N, C-alpha and C. Protein backbone atom coordinates (compact mmCIF):
# COMPACT_ATOMS: atom_id res chain seq x y z
N UNK A 1 -47.07 12.15 -89.58
CA UNK A 1 -46.10 11.23 -89.31
C UNK A 1 -45.57 11.23 -87.91
N UNK A 2 -44.94 10.02 -87.97
CA UNK A 2 -44.44 9.70 -86.44
C UNK A 2 -43.12 9.65 -86.13
N UNK A 3 -42.49 9.89 -85.54
CA UNK A 3 -41.07 9.36 -85.77
C UNK A 3 -41.17 8.45 -84.21
N UNK A 4 -41.05 7.06 -84.15
CA UNK A 4 -41.17 6.45 -83.27
C UNK A 4 -39.82 6.01 -82.82
N UNK A 5 -39.20 6.73 -81.88
CA UNK A 5 -37.72 6.93 -81.46
C UNK A 5 -37.20 5.36 -80.42
N UNK A 6 -36.29 4.42 -81.06
CA UNK A 6 -35.16 5.17 -81.97
C UNK A 6 -35.56 3.92 -83.41
N UNK A 7 -36.97 3.41 -83.28
CA UNK A 7 -36.95 2.91 -84.58
C UNK A 7 -37.18 3.41 -86.04
N UNK A 8 -37.48 4.84 -86.22
CA UNK A 8 -37.97 5.18 -87.12
C UNK A 8 -39.07 5.74 -87.90
N UNK A 9 -39.34 6.32 -89.23
CA UNK A 9 -40.36 7.47 -89.28
C UNK A 9 -41.72 6.61 -90.03
N UNK A 10 -42.54 6.85 -89.28
CA UNK A 10 -43.81 6.17 -90.17
C UNK A 10 -44.73 6.99 -90.25
N UNK A 11 -45.84 6.76 -91.63
CA UNK A 11 -46.66 7.40 -91.83
C UNK A 11 -47.84 6.62 -91.29
N UNK A 12 -48.90 7.55 -90.84
CA UNK A 12 -49.98 6.88 -89.91
C UNK A 12 -51.16 6.91 -90.89
N UNK A 13 -51.32 5.47 -91.12
CA UNK A 13 -52.41 5.59 -92.01
C UNK A 13 -54.03 5.11 -91.62
N UNK A 14 -54.22 4.79 -90.28
CA UNK A 14 -55.02 4.81 -89.70
C UNK A 14 -55.63 4.79 -88.15
N UNK A 15 -56.47 5.35 -87.46
CA UNK A 15 -56.62 5.79 -86.43
C UNK A 15 -57.86 5.20 -85.80
N UNK A 16 -57.68 4.16 -84.55
CA UNK A 16 -58.86 3.96 -83.89
C UNK A 16 -58.76 3.85 -82.50
N UNK A 17 -59.93 4.37 -81.82
CA UNK A 17 -59.82 3.85 -80.08
C UNK A 17 -59.80 3.02 -79.31
N UNK A 18 -58.70 2.49 -78.49
CA UNK A 18 -58.69 1.60 -77.61
C UNK A 18 -59.20 1.91 -75.84
N UNK A 19 -60.54 1.52 -76.32
CA UNK A 19 -61.54 1.83 -75.07
C UNK A 19 -61.13 0.73 -74.34
N UNK A 20 -61.02 0.52 -72.36
CA UNK A 20 -60.96 -0.07 -72.19
C UNK A 20 -60.73 -1.54 -71.80
N UNK A 21 -59.18 -1.56 -71.81
CA UNK A 21 -58.39 -2.90 -71.66
C UNK A 21 -57.84 -2.94 -70.25
N UNK A 22 -58.45 -4.15 -69.47
CA UNK A 22 -58.00 -4.45 -68.34
C UNK A 22 -57.43 -5.70 -68.42
N UNK A 23 -56.07 -5.57 -67.18
CA UNK A 23 -55.51 -6.62 -66.66
C UNK A 23 -55.45 -6.92 -65.23
N UNK A 24 -55.51 -8.01 -64.76
CA UNK A 24 -55.28 -7.94 -63.32
C UNK A 24 -54.41 -8.32 -62.97
N UNK A 25 -53.68 -7.98 -61.90
CA UNK A 25 -52.15 -8.06 -61.01
C UNK A 25 -52.55 -8.25 -60.08
N UNK A 26 -52.07 -9.71 -59.28
CA UNK A 26 -52.35 -10.44 -58.06
C UNK A 26 -51.06 -9.77 -57.32
N UNK A 27 -50.60 -9.62 -55.90
CA UNK A 27 -49.69 -9.48 -55.59
C UNK A 27 -49.75 -9.55 -53.70
N UNK A 28 -48.73 -10.56 -53.36
CA UNK A 28 -49.17 -10.96 -51.81
C UNK A 28 -48.85 -10.02 -50.91
N UNK A 29 -48.94 -10.13 -49.80
CA UNK A 29 -48.90 -9.20 -48.74
C UNK A 29 -47.52 -8.88 -48.74
N UNK A 30 -46.98 -7.73 -48.90
CA UNK A 30 -45.57 -7.56 -48.44
C UNK A 30 -44.52 -8.11 -49.46
N UNK A 31 -45.06 -7.90 -50.61
CA UNK A 31 -44.65 -8.81 -51.85
C UNK A 31 -44.35 -8.07 -52.99
N UNK A 32 -43.73 -8.66 -54.11
CA UNK A 32 -43.15 -7.66 -55.39
C UNK A 32 -43.86 -8.70 -56.21
N UNK A 33 -44.11 -8.15 -57.22
CA UNK A 33 -44.76 -9.07 -58.65
C UNK A 33 -44.25 -8.23 -59.53
N UNK A 34 -43.41 -8.44 -60.74
CA UNK A 34 -43.20 -8.27 -62.28
C UNK A 34 -44.04 -8.81 -62.65
N UNK A 35 -44.72 -7.84 -63.83
CA UNK A 35 -45.88 -8.91 -64.78
C UNK A 35 -45.42 -8.01 -66.29
N UNK A 36 -45.33 -8.92 -67.31
CA UNK A 36 -45.54 -8.01 -68.18
C UNK A 36 -46.90 -8.20 -69.25
N UNK A 37 -46.92 -6.71 -69.69
CA UNK A 37 -48.23 -6.76 -70.16
C UNK A 37 -48.90 -6.94 -71.39
N UNK A 38 -49.20 -8.14 -71.43
CA UNK A 38 -49.39 -8.67 -72.61
C UNK A 38 -51.01 -8.53 -73.36
N UNK A 39 -51.44 -7.80 -72.59
CA UNK A 39 -52.99 -7.65 -72.72
C UNK A 39 -53.11 -6.41 -73.60
N UNK A 40 -51.97 -5.51 -73.68
CA UNK A 40 -52.04 -4.49 -74.42
C UNK A 40 -50.93 -4.74 -75.68
N UNK A 41 -50.54 -5.78 -75.84
CA UNK A 41 -49.78 -5.63 -76.84
C UNK A 41 -50.51 -5.62 -78.27
N UNK A 42 -49.81 -5.03 -79.68
CA UNK A 42 -50.17 -4.80 -80.36
C UNK A 42 -49.41 -5.28 -81.73
N UNK A 43 -50.56 -5.58 -82.40
CA UNK A 43 -50.66 -6.64 -84.37
C UNK A 43 -48.98 -5.80 -84.70
N UNK A 44 -48.57 -6.52 -85.48
CA UNK A 44 -47.25 -5.96 -86.65
C UNK A 44 -47.86 -4.62 -87.40
N UNK A 45 -47.07 -3.49 -87.11
CA UNK A 45 -47.44 -2.82 -87.52
C UNK A 45 -48.36 -1.46 -87.24
N UNK A 46 -48.55 -1.84 -85.92
CA UNK A 46 -49.19 -0.77 -85.45
C UNK A 46 -48.59 -0.37 -83.64
N UNK A 47 -49.38 0.90 -83.41
CA UNK A 47 -48.49 1.58 -82.23
C UNK A 47 -49.61 1.91 -81.68
N UNK A 48 -49.67 2.01 -80.54
CA UNK A 48 -50.80 2.41 -79.16
C UNK A 48 -49.85 3.40 -78.38
N UNK A 49 -51.01 4.42 -77.90
CA UNK A 49 -50.86 5.25 -76.87
C UNK A 49 -52.01 4.83 -75.99
N UNK A 50 -51.60 4.71 -74.12
CA UNK A 50 -52.23 4.34 -73.62
C UNK A 50 -52.24 5.37 -72.33
N UNK A 51 -53.47 5.39 -71.26
CA UNK A 51 -52.98 6.29 -69.99
C UNK A 51 -54.14 5.30 -69.42
N UNK A 52 -53.93 5.27 -68.37
CA UNK A 52 -54.63 5.31 -67.15
C UNK A 52 -55.49 5.99 -66.40
N UNK A 53 -56.86 6.36 -67.04
CA UNK A 53 -57.65 7.25 -66.30
C UNK A 53 -58.00 7.61 -64.95
N UNK A 54 -58.03 5.79 -64.31
CA UNK A 54 -58.61 5.80 -63.11
C UNK A 54 -57.74 5.22 -61.97
N UNK A 55 -56.40 5.89 -62.57
CA UNK A 55 -55.03 5.11 -61.44
C UNK A 55 -55.67 5.26 -60.52
N UNK A 56 -56.12 6.74 -59.81
CA UNK A 56 -56.34 6.78 -58.38
C UNK A 56 -57.52 6.06 -57.82
N UNK A 57 -58.51 5.49 -58.48
CA UNK A 57 -59.48 4.71 -57.86
C UNK A 57 -59.11 3.03 -58.03
N UNK A 58 -58.35 2.75 -58.88
CA UNK A 58 -57.65 1.40 -59.08
C UNK A 58 -56.92 1.15 -58.10
N UNK A 59 -55.83 1.65 -58.15
CA UNK A 59 -54.61 1.33 -57.39
C UNK A 59 -54.95 1.28 -55.85
N UNK A 60 -54.84 0.39 -55.17
CA UNK A 60 -54.68 0.51 -53.60
C UNK A 60 -53.97 1.35 -52.83
N UNK A 61 -54.53 1.84 -51.82
CA UNK A 61 -53.15 2.41 -50.99
C UNK A 61 -52.21 1.31 -50.54
N UNK A 62 -51.37 2.07 -50.26
CA UNK A 62 -49.89 0.95 -50.11
C UNK A 62 -49.53 -0.13 -51.26
N UNK A 63 -49.49 0.82 -52.50
CA UNK A 63 -48.84 -0.24 -53.64
C UNK A 63 -48.20 0.86 -54.45
N UNK A 64 -47.32 0.40 -54.97
CA UNK A 64 -46.24 1.09 -55.42
C UNK A 64 -46.40 0.83 -57.09
N UNK A 65 -46.02 1.43 -58.04
CA UNK A 65 -45.97 0.57 -59.26
C UNK A 65 -44.69 1.68 -60.63
N UNK A 66 -43.75 0.46 -60.66
CA UNK A 66 -42.90 0.94 -61.48
C UNK A 66 -42.92 0.31 -62.77
N UNK A 67 -42.38 1.23 -63.98
CA UNK A 67 -42.57 0.67 -65.18
C UNK A 67 -41.32 0.53 -65.88
N UNK A 68 -41.55 -0.59 -66.76
CA UNK A 68 -39.99 -0.98 -67.53
C UNK A 68 -40.79 -0.95 -68.84
N UNK A 69 -40.45 -0.24 -69.34
CA UNK A 69 -40.73 0.27 -70.88
C UNK A 69 -40.33 -0.55 -72.30
N UNK A 70 -40.71 -1.13 -72.87
CA UNK A 70 -39.89 -1.81 -73.84
C UNK A 70 -39.15 -2.24 -73.20
N UNK A 71 -39.54 -3.88 -72.20
CA UNK A 71 -39.04 -4.67 -72.01
C UNK A 71 -38.53 -4.61 -70.36
N UNK A 72 -37.81 -5.88 -69.68
CA UNK A 72 -37.88 -5.82 -68.36
C UNK A 72 -36.59 -5.26 -68.20
N UNK A 73 -35.54 -4.87 -69.17
CA UNK A 73 -34.72 -4.24 -68.33
C UNK A 73 -34.57 -2.54 -69.03
N UNK A 74 -35.86 -1.84 -69.24
CA UNK A 74 -35.64 -0.64 -69.55
C UNK A 74 -36.45 0.33 -68.93
N UNK A 75 -36.24 0.41 -67.75
CA UNK A 75 -36.84 1.47 -66.50
C UNK A 75 -36.89 2.87 -67.04
N UNK A 76 -38.16 2.87 -66.74
CA UNK A 76 -38.95 4.24 -67.00
C UNK A 76 -38.77 5.30 -65.44
N UNK A 77 -38.83 6.61 -65.83
CA UNK A 77 -39.11 7.22 -64.51
C UNK A 77 -37.70 7.00 -63.98
N UNK A 78 -36.76 6.64 -64.19
CA UNK A 78 -35.15 6.76 -63.91
C UNK A 78 -34.05 8.03 -63.65
N UNK A 79 -33.92 8.46 -62.43
CA UNK A 79 -33.20 9.51 -62.83
C UNK A 79 -31.63 9.11 -61.96
N UNK A 80 -30.58 10.04 -62.28
CA UNK A 80 -29.18 9.53 -61.59
C UNK A 80 -29.03 8.56 -60.88
N UNK A 81 -29.93 8.84 -59.71
CA UNK A 81 -29.38 8.31 -58.30
C UNK A 81 -30.96 7.70 -57.89
N UNK A 82 -31.47 7.62 -58.20
CA UNK A 82 -33.28 7.20 -57.77
C UNK A 82 -34.23 6.66 -58.85
N UNK A 83 -34.84 5.77 -58.60
CA UNK A 83 -35.91 5.17 -60.01
C UNK A 83 -37.37 6.03 -59.21
N UNK A 84 -38.05 6.48 -59.78
CA UNK A 84 -39.63 7.03 -59.73
C UNK A 84 -40.67 5.75 -60.17
N UNK A 85 -41.54 6.02 -59.79
CA UNK A 85 -42.84 4.88 -59.30
C UNK A 85 -44.10 5.71 -59.06
N UNK A 86 -45.10 5.30 -59.53
CA UNK A 86 -46.39 5.80 -59.39
C UNK A 86 -47.21 5.08 -58.41
N UNK A 87 -48.17 6.21 -57.53
CA UNK A 87 -48.90 5.52 -56.84
C UNK A 87 -50.54 6.04 -56.86
N UNK A 88 -51.17 5.99 -56.20
CA UNK A 88 -52.85 6.36 -56.34
C UNK A 88 -52.97 7.79 -55.97
N UNK A 89 -51.61 8.43 -55.32
CA UNK A 89 -51.53 9.82 -55.25
C UNK A 89 -50.58 10.48 -56.44
N UNK A 90 -50.37 10.00 -57.39
CA UNK A 90 -49.39 10.74 -58.26
C UNK A 90 -50.68 11.37 -59.38
N UNK A 91 -49.85 12.68 -59.28
CA UNK A 91 -50.92 13.76 -60.08
C UNK A 91 -52.09 14.10 -59.10
N UNK A 92 -52.01 13.62 -58.41
CA UNK A 92 -53.33 14.20 -57.85
C UNK A 92 -53.61 15.51 -57.40
N UNK A 93 -54.69 16.47 -57.49
CA UNK A 93 -54.74 17.64 -57.40
C UNK A 93 -55.90 18.09 -56.42
N UNK A 94 -55.58 18.85 -55.24
CA UNK A 94 -56.91 18.43 -54.63
C UNK A 94 -57.09 20.35 -54.30
N UNK A 95 -58.19 20.21 -53.69
CA UNK A 95 -58.49 21.53 -53.21
C UNK A 95 -59.40 21.28 -51.51
N UNK A 96 -59.49 22.47 -50.67
CA UNK A 96 -59.38 22.22 -49.53
C UNK A 96 -61.22 22.86 -49.56
N UNK A 97 -62.00 22.02 -48.76
CA UNK A 97 -63.60 22.45 -48.53
C UNK A 97 -63.54 22.82 -46.46
N UNK A 98 -63.71 24.03 -47.09
CA UNK A 98 -63.78 24.86 -45.60
C UNK A 98 -64.72 24.02 -44.81
N UNK A 99 -65.77 23.58 -45.62
CA UNK A 99 -66.83 23.34 -44.72
C UNK A 99 -66.93 22.30 -43.73
N UNK A 100 -66.03 21.45 -44.48
CA UNK A 100 -66.00 19.81 -44.12
C UNK A 100 -64.55 19.64 -43.30
N UNK A 101 -63.93 20.60 -43.73
CA UNK A 101 -62.47 20.91 -43.16
C UNK A 101 -61.74 19.26 -43.51
N UNK A 102 -61.89 19.20 -44.95
CA UNK A 102 -61.14 18.25 -45.69
C UNK A 102 -60.64 18.35 -46.87
N UNK A 103 -59.56 17.75 -47.12
CA UNK A 103 -59.07 18.09 -48.72
C UNK A 103 -59.69 17.00 -49.47
N UNK A 104 -60.49 17.46 -50.85
CA UNK A 104 -61.28 16.72 -51.71
C UNK A 104 -60.12 16.76 -53.05
N UNK A 105 -59.83 15.28 -53.67
CA UNK A 105 -59.39 15.46 -54.80
C UNK A 105 -60.08 15.57 -55.85
N UNK A 106 -59.72 16.78 -56.48
CA UNK A 106 -60.50 17.29 -57.50
C UNK A 106 -60.28 16.76 -59.38
N UNK A 107 -59.16 16.49 -59.36
CA UNK A 107 -58.28 15.91 -60.56
C UNK A 107 -57.56 14.49 -60.60
N UNK A 108 -57.35 14.17 -61.55
CA UNK A 108 -55.81 13.07 -61.43
C UNK A 108 -55.61 13.37 -62.87
N UNK A 109 -54.03 13.48 -62.83
CA UNK A 109 -53.34 13.92 -63.94
C UNK A 109 -52.70 12.42 -64.57
N UNK A 110 -54.03 12.10 -65.53
CA UNK A 110 -53.55 10.63 -66.28
C UNK A 110 -52.16 10.66 -67.43
N UNK A 111 -51.62 11.73 -67.12
CA UNK A 111 -51.19 12.10 -68.69
C UNK A 111 -49.45 11.45 -67.84
N UNK A 112 -49.43 11.23 -66.15
CA UNK A 112 -48.14 10.68 -66.11
C UNK A 112 -47.99 9.28 -66.02
N UNK A 113 -49.38 8.42 -66.73
CA UNK A 113 -49.02 7.13 -66.96
C UNK A 113 -49.46 6.95 -68.22
N UNK A 114 -48.98 7.89 -69.27
CA UNK A 114 -48.54 7.59 -70.92
C UNK A 114 -47.63 6.94 -71.05
N UNK A 115 -48.29 5.90 -71.69
CA UNK A 115 -47.10 4.53 -72.31
C UNK A 115 -47.56 4.39 -73.88
N UNK A 116 -46.47 4.41 -74.85
CA UNK A 116 -46.44 3.35 -75.78
C UNK A 116 -46.20 2.38 -76.22
N UNK A 117 -46.88 1.89 -76.93
CA UNK A 117 -46.46 0.27 -77.15
C UNK A 117 -46.59 -0.18 -78.67
N UNK A 118 -45.41 -0.34 -79.16
CA UNK A 118 -44.77 -0.50 -80.47
C UNK A 118 -44.92 -2.31 -80.89
N UNK A 119 -45.77 -2.56 -81.63
CA UNK A 119 -46.24 -3.87 -81.97
C UNK A 119 -45.97 -4.70 -80.37
N UNK A 120 -45.23 -5.71 -80.05
CA UNK A 120 -45.38 -6.69 -79.30
C UNK A 120 -44.21 -6.28 -78.16
N UNK A 121 -44.00 -5.00 -78.65
CA UNK A 121 -42.90 -4.47 -77.41
C UNK A 121 -43.73 -3.68 -76.50
N UNK A 122 -44.31 -4.84 -75.09
CA UNK A 122 -45.04 -4.47 -74.07
C UNK A 122 -44.22 -4.16 -73.27
N UNK A 123 -44.69 -3.31 -72.16
CA UNK A 123 -44.22 -2.94 -71.12
C UNK A 123 -44.28 -3.97 -69.45
N UNK A 124 -43.52 -3.80 -69.16
CA UNK A 124 -43.37 -4.65 -67.38
C UNK A 124 -43.97 -3.55 -66.68
N UNK A 125 -44.99 -4.13 -65.48
CA UNK A 125 -44.98 -3.51 -64.29
C UNK A 125 -44.09 -4.43 -63.30
N UNK A 126 -43.95 -3.52 -62.41
CA UNK A 126 -43.51 -4.05 -60.92
C UNK A 126 -44.30 -3.36 -59.99
N UNK A 127 -45.12 -4.60 -59.56
CA UNK A 127 -46.05 -3.75 -58.69
C UNK A 127 -45.27 -4.47 -57.14
N UNK A 128 -45.61 -3.07 -56.16
CA UNK A 128 -44.57 -3.56 -55.14
C UNK A 128 -45.94 -3.69 -53.96
N UNK A 129 -46.46 -4.16 -53.11
CA UNK A 129 -47.54 -4.30 -52.10
C UNK A 129 -46.75 -3.88 -50.56
N UNK A 130 -47.42 -2.66 -50.07
CA UNK A 130 -46.30 -2.62 -48.93
C UNK A 130 -47.57 -3.09 -47.74
N UNK A 131 -48.76 -3.61 -48.00
CA UNK A 131 -49.42 -3.35 -46.91
C UNK A 131 -49.71 -5.10 -46.63
N UNK A 132 -50.62 -5.45 -45.33
CA UNK A 132 -50.55 -6.56 -44.99
C UNK A 132 -51.46 -7.75 -45.14
N UNK A 133 -51.99 -7.31 -46.66
CA UNK A 133 -52.87 -8.40 -47.16
C UNK A 133 -52.63 -8.19 -48.66
N UNK A 134 -53.58 -9.31 -49.47
CA UNK A 134 -53.34 -9.56 -50.49
C UNK A 134 -53.87 -8.60 -51.46
N UNK A 135 -53.58 -7.70 -52.53
CA UNK A 135 -54.03 -7.36 -53.40
C UNK A 135 -54.31 -7.54 -54.79
N UNK A 136 -55.41 -7.00 -55.20
CA UNK A 136 -55.46 -7.43 -56.73
C UNK A 136 -55.76 -5.91 -57.39
N UNK A 137 -54.88 -5.71 -58.18
CA UNK A 137 -54.73 -4.04 -58.98
C UNK A 137 -55.35 -4.32 -60.23
N UNK A 138 -56.33 -3.69 -61.13
CA UNK A 138 -56.69 -3.98 -62.15
C UNK A 138 -56.88 -2.61 -62.53
N UNK A 139 -55.37 -2.24 -63.86
CA UNK A 139 -55.51 -1.05 -64.08
C UNK A 139 -56.05 -0.85 -65.57
N UNK A 140 -57.05 -0.09 -66.05
CA UNK A 140 -57.66 0.26 -67.38
C UNK A 140 -56.80 1.34 -68.45
N UNK A 141 -56.54 0.42 -69.26
CA UNK A 141 -56.04 1.28 -70.04
C UNK A 141 -56.75 1.66 -71.35
N UNK A 142 -56.86 2.75 -71.45
CA UNK A 142 -57.48 3.73 -72.49
C UNK A 142 -56.75 4.49 -73.64
N UNK A 143 -56.75 4.35 -74.46
CA UNK A 143 -56.31 5.36 -75.70
C UNK A 143 -56.57 5.03 -77.00
N UNK A 144 -55.65 5.18 -78.19
CA UNK A 144 -55.39 5.19 -79.68
C UNK A 144 -54.65 4.47 -80.30
N UNK A 145 -55.09 3.42 -80.89
CA UNK A 145 -54.41 2.67 -81.80
C UNK A 145 -54.02 3.48 -83.30
N UNK A 146 -52.99 3.03 -83.49
CA UNK A 146 -52.27 3.87 -84.80
C UNK A 146 -52.05 2.66 -85.63
N UNK A 147 -52.24 2.46 -86.98
CA UNK A 147 -51.68 1.31 -87.97
C UNK A 147 -51.17 2.52 -88.99
N UNK A 148 -49.69 1.94 -89.32
CA UNK A 148 -48.38 2.92 -89.38
C UNK A 148 -47.63 2.11 -90.16
N UNK A 149 -47.08 2.98 -91.16
CA UNK A 149 -46.12 1.85 -92.33
C UNK A 149 -44.94 2.83 -92.45
N UNK A 150 -43.95 2.23 -92.34
CA UNK A 150 -42.65 2.96 -92.28
C UNK A 150 -42.21 3.74 -93.99
N UNK A 151 -41.34 4.81 -93.28
CA UNK A 151 -41.09 5.52 -94.91
C UNK A 151 -40.02 5.86 -94.54
N UNK A 152 -39.13 6.06 -95.80
CA UNK A 152 -38.01 6.66 -95.67
C UNK A 152 -37.61 7.96 -95.60
N UNK A 153 -36.51 8.66 -95.05
CA UNK A 153 -36.30 9.69 -94.55
C UNK A 153 -36.74 10.76 -96.23
N UNK A 154 -36.65 10.36 -97.14
CA UNK A 154 -36.76 11.33 -98.95
C UNK A 154 -38.35 11.49 -98.65
N UNK A 155 -39.08 10.17 -98.24
CA UNK A 155 -40.42 10.63 -98.18
C UNK A 155 -41.18 11.54 -97.06
N UNK A 156 -40.26 11.38 -96.27
CA UNK A 156 -40.93 12.49 -94.86
C UNK A 156 -40.46 13.84 -95.23
N UNK A 157 -39.19 14.01 -96.02
CA UNK A 157 -39.03 15.03 -96.63
C UNK A 157 -40.03 15.73 -97.50
N UNK A 158 -40.48 15.07 -98.38
CA UNK A 158 -41.39 15.00 -99.35
C UNK A 158 -42.66 15.90 -98.84
N UNK A 159 -43.01 15.04 -97.68
CA UNK A 159 -44.59 15.11 -96.39
C UNK A 159 -44.30 16.32 -96.11
N UNK A 160 -43.41 16.98 -95.96
CA UNK A 160 -43.13 17.93 -95.51
C UNK A 160 -43.86 18.13 -93.82
N UNK A 161 -43.85 19.11 -93.24
CA UNK A 161 -44.52 19.03 -91.89
C UNK A 161 -43.39 18.56 -91.19
N UNK A 162 -43.71 18.87 -89.52
CA UNK A 162 -43.21 18.21 -88.21
C UNK A 162 -43.52 16.84 -87.85
N UNK A 163 -42.63 15.80 -87.92
CA UNK A 163 -43.17 14.92 -87.31
C UNK A 163 -43.27 14.78 -85.88
N UNK A 164 -44.31 14.05 -85.46
CA UNK A 164 -44.23 13.95 -83.80
C UNK A 164 -43.33 12.38 -83.06
N UNK A 165 -42.67 12.78 -82.44
CA UNK A 165 -41.98 12.34 -81.77
C UNK A 165 -43.01 11.31 -80.82
N UNK A 166 -42.31 10.08 -80.39
CA UNK A 166 -43.24 9.17 -79.89
C UNK A 166 -41.89 8.00 -79.08
N UNK A 167 -42.15 8.07 -77.86
CA UNK A 167 -41.05 7.21 -77.39
C UNK A 167 -41.04 5.91 -77.19
N UNK A 168 -40.64 4.94 -77.88
CA UNK A 168 -41.11 3.34 -78.02
C UNK A 168 -40.18 2.83 -76.76
N UNK A 169 -39.26 3.21 -76.11
CA UNK A 169 -38.45 3.10 -75.33
C UNK A 169 -37.91 3.87 -74.11
N UNK A 170 -37.71 3.68 -72.82
CA UNK A 170 -37.19 4.74 -71.78
C UNK A 170 -36.16 5.19 -72.15
N UNK A 171 -36.07 6.61 -71.74
CA UNK A 171 -34.85 7.21 -72.34
C UNK A 171 -33.91 6.61 -70.30
N UNK A 172 -32.80 7.03 -70.37
CA UNK A 172 -31.95 6.82 -69.66
C UNK A 172 -31.09 7.87 -69.37
N UNK A 173 -30.94 8.01 -68.10
CA UNK A 173 -29.98 9.08 -67.13
C UNK A 173 -28.67 9.01 -67.31
N UNK A 174 -28.30 9.31 -68.29
CA UNK A 174 -26.33 9.23 -68.66
C UNK A 174 -25.67 9.66 -67.52
């Protein structure tokens, strides 16, 4: 069972992989571009769970990404007085190499980039380029696709167990 908040309860009928969906976003020097991620749109009755495992490699230096989850006016990573973003350092884990006297990136925590896409309610990316040249940002989205069927509360109770809550919209700081 999946609780697609705030849409209701669903039963997973089938599960499949979503490997390597790419989309290219071009942003001029010192400019900002807002893009609807139509390439990861799902068919009716489908929910997808995506991450960007190569964010550190694919996002150029000097570029920030803000996410509007489930539409243009639903900002993600929002706190009371500020709004978060990610860049190519988000979630990076470093270790120090004493032989070369440099920090080495050991890991990148792609869980910071997790997005759920319910049917055709795709997120928007606002990409800010702070560099002096045009950039192309080509994120790779990988994950899972679930074919889901709505169920009633009564059916959910009869199935037992605990539903997995899935945020299909951004939370807001009240």
